[in-house]
Amino acid sequence: MEIKPQAVVIPKETDHLEQGKYGPVFPRTPACYGFTIIADVKPGRAAAIREHGHTLAKALEQDPYLLAPLKLHYLRWVLFDDDARFMYQGIFDTDFDKYTEDAVALFSKSGVSTA
């Protein structure tokens, strides 16, 4: 297998890019499609985020293929800054609009509510 390193820079201004339902549709990068969200955590909500992680882990123990339709390669949740901030990263094969709609449908169907 030959590996050819590549880099794709997402521009600061995205108005010129094709727009999807939830924002710009970026070209596929060498690492598939993905996103990173960093947000402030409402005071007192860190425990709910952790509990949701446990709920999702238990759901995956019961059905290891639960998230298969998302074509998900990588998912990471991190609470940091003494639980004041939250980072959510995902890398997947579908575009962001499809990923988002499929995730909502899967979680609703399986009873795994969102944090």
N, C-alpha and C. Protein backbone atom coordinates (compact mmCIF):
# COMPACT_ATOMS: atom_id res chain seq x y z
N MET A 1 0.84 -1.17 0.00
CA MET A 1 0.00 0.00 0.00
C MET A 1 0.89 1.24 0.00
N GLU A 2 0.62 2.11 -0.92
CA GLU A 2 1.37 3.35 -0.99
C GLU A 2 0.61 4.45 -0.26
N ILE A 3 1.30 5.18 0.59
CA ILE A 3 0.68 6.28 1.33
C ILE A 3 1.19 7.59 0.74
N LYS A 4 0.25 8.46 0.38
CA LYS A 4 0.59 9.78 -0.15
C LYS A 4 0.04 10.84 0.79
N PRO A 5 0.88 11.41 1.66
CA PRO A 5 0.39 12.44 2.58
C PRO A 5 -0.23 13.60 1.82
N GLN A 6 -1.33 14.12 2.39
CA GLN A 6 -2.04 15.24 1.80
C GLN A 6 -2.46 16.20 2.89
N ALA A 7 -2.73 17.42 2.51
CA ALA A 7 -3.27 18.41 3.45
C ALA A 7 -4.37 19.19 2.74
N VAL A 8 -5.45 19.43 3.44
CA VAL A 8 -6.53 20.25 2.92
C VAL A 8 -6.82 21.32 3.95
N VAL A 9 -6.78 22.56 3.52
CA VAL A 9 -7.05 23.68 4.42
C VAL A 9 -8.47 24.16 4.19
N ILE A 10 -9.25 24.20 5.25
CA ILE A 10 -10.61 24.72 5.15
C ILE A 10 -10.52 26.24 5.28
N PRO A 11 -11.04 26.97 4.31
CA PRO A 11 -10.87 28.43 4.32
C PRO A 11 -11.62 29.10 5.47
N LYS A 12 -11.11 30.26 5.88
CA LYS A 12 -11.76 31.02 6.96
C LYS A 12 -13.14 31.47 6.52
N GLU A 13 -13.26 31.98 5.32
CA GLU A 13 -14.56 32.40 4.78
C GLU A 13 -15.15 31.24 3.99
N THR A 14 -16.38 30.85 4.31
CA THR A 14 -16.99 29.68 3.68
C THR A 14 -18.24 30.02 2.87
N ASP A 15 -18.55 31.30 2.73
CA ASP A 15 -19.77 31.70 2.01
C ASP A 15 -19.77 31.23 0.56
N HIS A 16 -18.60 31.11 -0.04
CA HIS A 16 -18.50 30.72 -1.44
C HIS A 16 -18.67 29.21 -1.65
N LEU A 17 -18.63 28.43 -0.57
CA LEU A 17 -18.77 26.98 -0.67
C LEU A 17 -20.23 26.58 -0.79
N GLU A 18 -20.45 25.43 -1.41
CA GLU A 18 -21.80 24.88 -1.48
C GLU A 18 -22.35 24.73 -0.07
N GLN A 19 -23.59 25.15 0.14
CA GLN A 19 -24.20 25.10 1.45
C GLN A 19 -25.12 23.90 1.59
N GLY A 20 -24.97 23.17 2.67
CA GLY A 20 -25.87 22.09 3.00
C GLY A 20 -26.91 22.58 3.98
N LYS A 21 -27.70 21.70 4.48
CA LYS A 21 -28.76 22.05 5.43
C LYS A 21 -28.19 22.64 6.72
N TYR A 22 -27.01 22.16 7.15
CA TYR A 22 -26.44 22.58 8.43
C TYR A 22 -25.18 23.42 8.29
N GLY A 23 -24.90 23.91 7.10
CA GLY A 23 -23.71 24.72 6.90
C GLY A 23 -22.99 24.33 5.63
N PRO A 24 -21.75 24.83 5.46
CA PRO A 24 -21.01 24.55 4.23
C PRO A 24 -20.75 23.06 4.04
N VAL A 25 -20.79 22.65 2.79
CA VAL A 25 -20.42 21.28 2.43
C VAL A 25 -18.96 21.36 1.98
N PHE A 26 -18.07 20.89 2.84
CA PHE A 26 -16.65 20.97 2.54
C PHE A 26 -16.25 19.82 1.63
N PRO A 27 -15.21 20.02 0.85
CA PRO A 27 -14.70 18.88 0.08
C PRO A 27 -14.20 17.80 1.03
N ARG A 28 -14.29 16.57 0.60
CA ARG A 28 -13.81 15.46 1.41
C ARG A 28 -12.31 15.61 1.63
N THR A 29 -11.89 15.46 2.85
CA THR A 29 -10.47 15.58 3.18
C THR A 29 -9.83 14.20 3.14
N PRO A 30 -8.51 14.12 3.24
CA PRO A 30 -7.87 12.80 3.28
C PRO A 30 -8.36 11.94 4.45
N ALA A 31 -8.88 12.57 5.49
CA ALA A 31 -9.38 11.82 6.66
C ALA A 31 -10.90 11.67 6.62
N CYS A 32 -11.48 11.61 5.44
CA CYS A 32 -12.93 11.49 5.29
C CYS A 32 -13.58 12.82 5.65
N TYR A 33 -14.80 12.77 6.18
CA TYR A 33 -15.49 13.96 6.64
C TYR A 33 -15.38 14.01 8.16
N GLY A 34 -15.51 15.18 8.74
CA GLY A 34 -15.45 15.25 10.18
C GLY A 34 -15.77 16.62 10.71
N PHE A 35 -15.79 16.70 12.02
CA PHE A 35 -16.06 17.97 12.68
C PHE A 35 -15.43 17.96 14.07
N THR A 36 -15.22 19.16 14.59
CA THR A 36 -14.81 19.35 15.98
C THR A 36 -15.69 20.46 16.53
N ILE A 37 -16.30 20.19 17.67
CA ILE A 37 -17.11 21.20 18.36
C ILE A 37 -16.49 21.41 19.73
N ILE A 38 -16.26 22.66 20.08
CA ILE A 38 -15.79 23.02 21.41
C ILE A 38 -16.82 24.00 21.98
N ALA A 39 -17.34 23.66 23.16
CA ALA A 39 -18.41 24.48 23.73
C ALA A 39 -18.24 24.63 25.23
N ASP A 40 -18.80 25.72 25.76
CA ASP A 40 -18.85 25.88 27.21
C ASP A 40 -19.93 24.95 27.75
N VAL A 41 -19.69 24.38 28.91
CA VAL A 41 -20.65 23.50 29.57
C VAL A 41 -21.44 24.34 30.57
N LYS A 42 -22.75 24.22 30.53
CA LYS A 42 -23.57 24.93 31.52
C LYS A 42 -23.19 24.42 32.91
N PRO A 43 -23.08 25.30 33.87
CA PRO A 43 -22.73 24.86 35.23
C PRO A 43 -23.68 23.75 35.71
N GLY A 44 -23.08 22.69 36.25
CA GLY A 44 -23.86 21.58 36.77
C GLY A 44 -24.25 20.53 35.76
N ARG A 45 -23.87 20.68 34.48
CA ARG A 45 -24.28 19.74 33.43
C ARG A 45 -23.21 18.71 33.07
N ALA A 46 -22.01 18.82 33.62
CA ALA A 46 -20.94 17.88 33.29
C ALA A 46 -21.32 16.45 33.65
N ALA A 47 -21.99 16.27 34.77
CA ALA A 47 -22.41 14.91 35.17
C ALA A 47 -23.37 14.32 34.14
N ALA A 48 -24.25 15.14 33.58
CA ALA A 48 -25.20 14.65 32.56
C ALA A 48 -24.45 14.23 31.30
N ILE A 49 -23.41 14.97 30.93
CA ILE A 49 -22.61 14.61 29.76
C ILE A 49 -21.90 13.27 30.00
N ARG A 50 -21.32 13.11 31.18
CA ARG A 50 -20.66 11.84 31.51
C ARG A 50 -21.67 10.69 31.50
N GLU A 51 -22.84 10.91 32.08
CA GLU A 51 -23.87 9.87 32.13
C GLU A 51 -24.31 9.48 30.73
N HIS A 52 -24.42 10.46 29.84
CA HIS A 52 -24.79 10.16 28.46
C HIS A 52 -23.72 9.28 27.80
N GLY A 53 -22.46 9.54 28.11
CA GLY A 53 -21.39 8.70 27.61
C GLY A 53 -21.54 7.25 28.07
N HIS A 54 -21.89 7.07 29.34
CA HIS A 54 -22.12 5.72 29.87
C HIS A 54 -23.33 5.06 29.20
N THR A 55 -24.39 5.84 28.98
CA THR A 55 -25.58 5.32 28.32
C THR A 55 -25.26 4.85 26.91
N LEU A 56 -24.49 5.65 26.19
CA LEU A 56 -24.10 5.28 24.83
C LEU A 56 -23.21 4.04 24.84
N ALA A 57 -22.28 3.97 25.79
CA ALA A 57 -21.40 2.79 25.89
C ALA A 57 -22.21 1.53 26.16
N LYS A 58 -23.20 1.62 27.04
CA LYS A 58 -24.05 0.46 27.34
C LYS A 58 -24.86 0.05 26.11
N ALA A 59 -25.37 1.03 25.38
CA ALA A 59 -26.14 0.73 24.16
C ALA A 59 -25.27 0.01 23.14
N LEU A 60 -24.00 0.41 23.04
CA LEU A 60 -23.09 -0.24 22.11
C LEU A 60 -22.69 -1.64 22.57
N GLU A 61 -22.66 -1.86 23.88
CA GLU A 61 -22.40 -3.21 24.39
C GLU A 61 -23.55 -4.14 23.98
N GLN A 62 -24.78 -3.63 24.04
CA GLN A 62 -25.94 -4.43 23.68
C GLN A 62 -26.04 -4.65 22.18
N ASP A 63 -25.65 -3.63 21.40
CA ASP A 63 -25.70 -3.72 19.94
C ASP A 63 -24.47 -3.04 19.36
N PRO A 64 -23.39 -3.80 19.12
CA PRO A 64 -22.15 -3.20 18.62
C PRO A 64 -22.30 -2.51 17.26
N TYR A 65 -23.38 -2.80 16.55
CA TYR A 65 -23.60 -2.20 15.23
C TYR A 65 -24.57 -1.03 15.27
N LEU A 66 -24.92 -0.56 16.46
CA LEU A 66 -25.88 0.53 16.62
C LEU A 66 -25.52 1.75 15.77
N LEU A 67 -24.26 2.12 15.76
CA LEU A 67 -23.85 3.33 15.05
C LEU A 67 -23.31 3.06 13.65
N ALA A 68 -23.38 1.81 13.20
CA ALA A 68 -22.83 1.44 11.89
C ALA A 68 -23.37 2.30 10.74
N PRO A 69 -24.68 2.64 10.72
CA PRO A 69 -25.18 3.47 9.61
C PRO A 69 -24.50 4.83 9.51
N LEU A 70 -23.89 5.29 10.59
CA LEU A 70 -23.21 6.59 10.56
C LEU A 70 -21.88 6.54 9.81
N LYS A 71 -21.39 5.33 9.52
CA LYS A 71 -20.08 5.17 8.86
C LYS A 71 -19.01 5.91 9.66
N LEU A 72 -19.10 5.75 10.98
CA LEU A 72 -18.25 6.46 11.92
C LEU A 72 -16.92 5.73 12.10
N HIS A 73 -15.83 6.47 11.94
CA HIS A 73 -14.50 5.90 12.16
C HIS A 73 -14.00 6.24 13.56
N TYR A 74 -14.35 7.42 14.02
CA TYR A 74 -13.73 7.94 15.22
C TYR A 74 -14.70 8.90 15.89
N LEU A 75 -14.84 8.79 17.19
CA LEU A 75 -15.68 9.70 17.96
C LEU A 75 -15.00 9.93 19.30
N ARG A 76 -14.87 11.17 19.70
CA ARG A 76 -14.22 11.49 20.97
C ARG A 76 -14.99 12.60 21.67
N TRP A 77 -15.28 12.37 22.93
CA TRP A 77 -15.85 13.40 23.81
C TRP A 77 -14.84 13.68 24.90
N VAL A 78 -14.61 14.96 25.20
CA VAL A 78 -13.66 15.33 26.24
C VAL A 78 -14.24 16.49 27.05
N LEU A 79 -14.31 16.31 28.35
CA LEU A 79 -14.60 17.41 29.27
C LEU A 79 -13.25 17.91 29.77
N PHE A 80 -13.05 19.24 29.78
CA PHE A 80 -11.77 19.77 30.23
C PHE A 80 -11.97 21.12 30.90
N ASP A 81 -10.88 21.72 31.36
CA ASP A 81 -10.94 22.98 32.13
C ASP A 81 -11.88 22.83 33.33
N ASP A 82 -11.64 21.79 34.14
CA ASP A 82 -12.46 21.52 35.33
C ASP A 82 -13.95 21.40 34.97
N ASP A 83 -14.22 20.68 33.89
CA ASP A 83 -15.59 20.41 33.42
C ASP A 83 -16.33 21.65 32.93
N ALA A 84 -15.59 22.72 32.63
CA ALA A 84 -16.23 23.94 32.14
C ALA A 84 -16.36 23.95 30.62
N ARG A 85 -15.59 23.08 29.93
CA ARG A 85 -15.63 23.06 28.47
C ARG A 85 -15.72 21.62 27.98
N PHE A 86 -16.26 21.47 26.78
CA PHE A 86 -16.54 20.16 26.19
C PHE A 86 -16.08 20.17 24.75
N MET A 87 -15.38 19.10 24.34
CA MET A 87 -14.98 18.95 22.94
C MET A 87 -15.58 17.65 22.42
N TYR A 88 -16.14 17.73 21.22
CA TYR A 88 -16.77 16.58 20.56
C TYR A 88 -16.20 16.52 19.16
N GLN A 89 -15.50 15.43 18.83
CA GLN A 89 -14.90 15.26 17.51
C GLN A 89 -15.43 13.99 16.87
N GLY A 90 -15.65 14.04 15.59
CA GLY A 90 -16.06 12.85 14.87
C GLY A 90 -15.47 12.83 13.47
N ILE A 91 -15.13 11.65 12.99
CA ILE A 91 -14.67 11.45 11.61
C ILE A 91 -15.50 10.31 11.04
N PHE A 92 -16.06 10.53 9.86
CA PHE A 92 -17.02 9.59 9.28
C PHE A 92 -16.98 9.67 7.76
N ASP A 93 -17.64 8.73 7.09
CA ASP A 93 -17.59 8.66 5.62
C ASP A 93 -18.67 9.48 4.92
N THR A 94 -19.77 9.77 5.58
CA THR A 94 -20.85 10.51 4.92
C THR A 94 -20.65 12.01 5.09
N ASP A 95 -21.39 12.82 4.34
CA ASP A 95 -21.27 14.26 4.55
C ASP A 95 -21.95 14.64 5.86
N PHE A 96 -21.70 15.86 6.33
CA PHE A 96 -22.17 16.27 7.65
C PHE A 96 -23.69 16.27 7.75
N ASP A 97 -24.39 16.72 6.71
CA ASP A 97 -25.86 16.74 6.74
C ASP A 97 -26.40 15.33 6.96
N LYS A 98 -25.90 14.36 6.19
CA LYS A 98 -26.38 12.99 6.32
C LYS A 98 -26.02 12.43 7.69
N TYR A 99 -24.80 12.68 8.14
CA TYR A 99 -24.38 12.20 9.46
C TYR A 99 -25.33 12.72 10.54
N THR A 100 -25.61 14.02 10.51
CA THR A 100 -26.46 14.64 11.54
C THR A 100 -27.87 14.05 11.52
N GLU A 101 -28.45 13.96 10.35
CA GLU A 101 -29.82 13.42 10.25
C GLU A 101 -29.87 11.95 10.65
N ASP A 102 -28.88 11.17 10.22
CA ASP A 102 -28.84 9.75 10.60
C ASP A 102 -28.63 9.58 12.10
N ALA A 103 -27.78 10.42 12.70
CA ALA A 103 -27.52 10.32 14.14
C ALA A 103 -28.78 10.61 14.94
N VAL A 104 -29.51 11.65 14.57
CA VAL A 104 -30.75 11.98 15.26
C VAL A 104 -31.74 10.82 15.15
N ALA A 105 -31.88 10.26 13.95
CA ALA A 105 -32.81 9.14 13.74
C ALA A 105 -32.39 7.91 14.55
N LEU A 106 -31.09 7.59 14.54
CA LEU A 106 -30.60 6.43 15.28
C LEU A 106 -30.80 6.58 16.78
N PHE A 107 -30.45 7.74 17.31
CA PHE A 107 -30.58 7.95 18.74
C PHE A 107 -32.04 7.94 19.16
N SER A 108 -32.90 8.53 18.36
CA SER A 108 -34.33 8.52 18.68
C SER A 108 -34.88 7.11 18.67
N LYS A 109 -34.53 6.34 17.64
CA LYS A 109 -35.02 4.97 17.49
C LYS A 109 -34.53 4.07 18.62
N SER A 110 -33.28 4.26 19.05
CA SER A 110 -32.70 3.37 20.05
C SER A 110 -33.02 3.82 21.48
N GLY A 111 -33.60 4.99 21.64
CA GLY A 111 -33.90 5.48 22.99
C GLY A 111 -32.73 6.13 23.67
N VAL A 112 -31.64 6.32 22.95
CA VAL A 112 -30.47 7.00 23.50
C VAL A 112 -30.64 8.49 23.25
N SER A 113 -31.11 9.19 24.28
CA SER A 113 -31.37 10.61 24.10
C SER A 113 -30.05 11.38 24.09
N THR A 114 -30.11 12.62 23.69
CA THR A 114 -28.91 13.43 23.62
C THR A 114 -28.61 14.09 24.96
N ALA A 115 -27.35 14.45 25.15
CA ALA A 115 -26.95 15.13 26.38
C ALA A 115 -27.38 16.58 26.30
